[in-house]
Amino acid sequence: MNIKKKVFGFVISIPEVLVIVDEVIDYHKIPKFPSSTRDLSMMVPTQYMNIDVEKIIHDAAGDNLESLYLFDLYQGEQVKEGFKSMAYKLSFRAADRTLTDAEVDQWVNNIVNALAKAGINLRA
């Protein structure tokens, strides 16, 4: 076959490996219903860390917030002193149905209100 490097082959027997694994295997089914995503860009006082903002969002979002991640962080000349610009992507999903825009909008409004109480406002 003219292979100039070492070649290795192997077979893994999953049933035999599972016998020695002591952990519970955790998995999630592929979702049946689509997610609904929203981006929130905000001006955050510098004393807040990412974990603080995420906690406020999680607490206000409800049970259908599937994921949340920070995708933009900026501090510089274009941001008011004492603040930083942060942007998050939020993904909502229900296991039993497709969410309506009205439902997701209500959760986002709850989040925006909770952020405002903490002195965090949406970026204009």
Protein backbone atom coordinates (compact mmCIF):
# COMPACT_ATOMS: atom_id res chain seq x y z
CA MET A 1 0.00 0.00 0.00
CA ASN A 2 3.06 2.25 0.03
CA ILE A 3 2.23 3.70 3.46
CA LYS A 4 5.39 5.30 4.80
CA LYS A 5 4.22 5.86 8.38
CA LYS A 6 3.20 3.44 11.12
CA VAL A 7 -0.41 2.31 10.91
CA PHE A 8 -2.38 1.07 13.90
CA GLY A 9 -5.73 -0.66 14.03
CA PHE A 10 -8.00 -1.45 16.94
CA VAL A 11 -11.48 -2.57 17.87
CA ILE A 12 -13.40 -1.25 20.86
CA SER A 13 -16.04 -3.49 22.35
CA ILE A 14 -18.49 -1.06 23.95
CA PRO A 15 -20.25 -3.69 26.14
CA GLU A 16 -16.88 -4.71 27.63
CA VAL A 17 -15.88 -1.10 28.26
CA LEU A 18 -19.20 -0.27 29.92
CA VAL A 19 -18.63 -2.99 32.50
CA ILE A 20 -15.62 -1.11 33.90
CA VAL A 21 -17.17 2.37 33.71
CA ASP A 22 -18.53 3.39 37.08
CA GLU A 23 -20.44 6.48 35.98
CA VAL A 24 -24.01 6.89 34.87
CA ILE A 25 -24.13 7.73 31.20
CA ASP A 26 -26.01 10.99 30.73
CA TYR A 27 -27.45 11.85 27.36
CA HIS A 28 -30.15 14.04 25.92
CA LYS A 29 -32.41 13.11 23.08
CA ILE A 30 -32.20 15.19 19.95
CA PRO A 31 -34.87 17.87 20.40
CA LYS A 32 -38.09 17.34 18.50
CA PHE A 33 -39.12 21.00 18.52
CA PRO A 34 -37.14 24.01 17.25
CA SER A 35 -35.42 26.53 19.47
CA SER A 36 -36.04 30.26 19.41
CA THR A 37 -33.04 32.56 19.82
CA ARG A 38 -32.65 36.17 20.83
CA ASP A 39 -29.59 38.38 21.16
CA LEU A 40 -29.36 40.94 23.94
CA SER A 41 -26.74 43.70 23.85
CA MET A 42 -26.41 45.70 27.02
CA MET A 43 -24.44 48.32 28.88
CA VAL A 44 -23.24 46.75 32.12
CA PRO A 45 -21.64 48.55 35.09
CA THR A 46 -18.04 47.38 35.35
CA GLN A 47 -18.52 45.93 38.84
CA TYR A 48 -20.63 43.11 37.35
CA MET A 49 -18.85 40.00 36.13
CA ASN A 50 -20.21 37.66 33.48
CA ILE A 51 -21.39 35.18 36.11
CA ASP A 52 -23.44 37.93 37.80
CA VAL A 53 -25.20 38.90 34.58
CA GLU A 54 -25.83 35.24 33.67
CA LYS A 55 -27.41 34.64 37.09
CA ILE A 56 -29.79 37.57 36.63
CA ILE A 57 -30.76 36.27 33.19
CA HIS A 58 -31.24 32.67 34.38
CA ASP A 59 -33.32 33.74 37.36
CA ALA A 60 -35.64 35.86 35.20
CA ALA A 61 -35.84 33.64 32.11
CA GLY A 62 -37.89 30.70 33.29
CA ASP A 63 -37.47 27.00 32.65
CA ASN A 64 -37.38 27.14 28.86
CA LEU A 65 -34.03 28.94 28.63
CA GLU A 66 -31.97 26.20 27.01
CA SER A 67 -28.66 27.99 26.63
CA LEU A 68 -27.00 31.32 27.18
CA TYR A 69 -23.57 32.51 26.16
CA LEU A 70 -21.60 35.71 26.02
CA PHE A 71 -20.50 36.41 22.45
CA ASP A 72 -19.25 39.99 22.71
CA LEU A 73 -17.50 42.02 25.38
CA TYR A 74 -16.15 45.51 24.72
CA GLN A 75 -14.66 48.28 26.84
CA GLY A 76 -13.21 51.28 25.13
CA GLU A 77 -13.63 54.84 23.95
CA GLN A 78 -17.13 54.29 22.58
CA VAL A 79 -18.48 52.99 25.89
CA LYS A 80 -19.40 55.33 28.74
CA GLU A 81 -16.87 55.29 31.58
CA GLY A 82 -17.80 52.84 34.34
CA PHE A 83 -19.58 50.53 31.87
CA LYS A 84 -18.79 47.73 29.47
CA SER A 85 -20.76 46.49 26.49
CA MET A 86 -21.82 42.83 26.70
CA ALA A 87 -23.90 40.81 24.26
CA TYR A 88 -25.50 37.43 24.89
CA LYS A 89 -27.22 34.85 22.72
CA LEU A 90 -30.21 33.24 24.44
CA SER A 91 -31.85 30.08 23.17
CA PHE A 92 -35.29 29.00 24.36
CA ARG A 93 -36.90 25.60 23.75
CA ALA A 94 -39.77 23.54 25.13
CA ALA A 95 -39.60 19.75 25.09
CA ASP A 96 -43.31 19.30 24.35
CA ARG A 97 -44.15 21.98 21.76
CA THR A 98 -42.97 24.80 19.54
CA LEU A 99 -42.73 28.05 21.46
CA THR A 100 -44.59 31.10 20.21
CA ASP A 101 -42.91 34.45 19.64
CA ALA A 102 -45.23 35.96 22.25
CA GLU A 103 -43.99 33.49 24.91
CA VAL A 104 -40.34 34.14 24.13
CA ASP A 105 -40.91 37.90 23.99
CA GLN A 106 -42.50 37.77 27.46
CA TRP A 107 -39.48 35.92 28.89
CA VAL A 108 -37.13 38.41 27.24
CA ASN A 109 -39.16 41.29 28.75
CA ASN A 110 -38.84 39.64 32.18
CA ILE A 111 -35.08 39.42 31.65
CA VAL A 112 -34.81 43.05 30.51
CA ASN A 113 -36.80 44.21 33.56
CA ALA A 114 -34.60 42.18 35.94
CA LEU A 115 -31.45 43.58 34.31
CA ALA A 116 -32.81 47.13 34.58
CA LYS A 117 -33.36 46.66 38.33
CA ALA A 118 -29.64 45.87 38.56
CA GLY A 119 -28.70 49.02 36.62
CA ILE A 120 -28.04 47.12 33.36
CA ASN A 121 -29.73 48.58 30.29
CA LEU A 122 -30.07 47.43 26.71
CA ARG A 123 -27.69 49.05 24.27
CA ALA A 124 -29.40 51.54 21.96
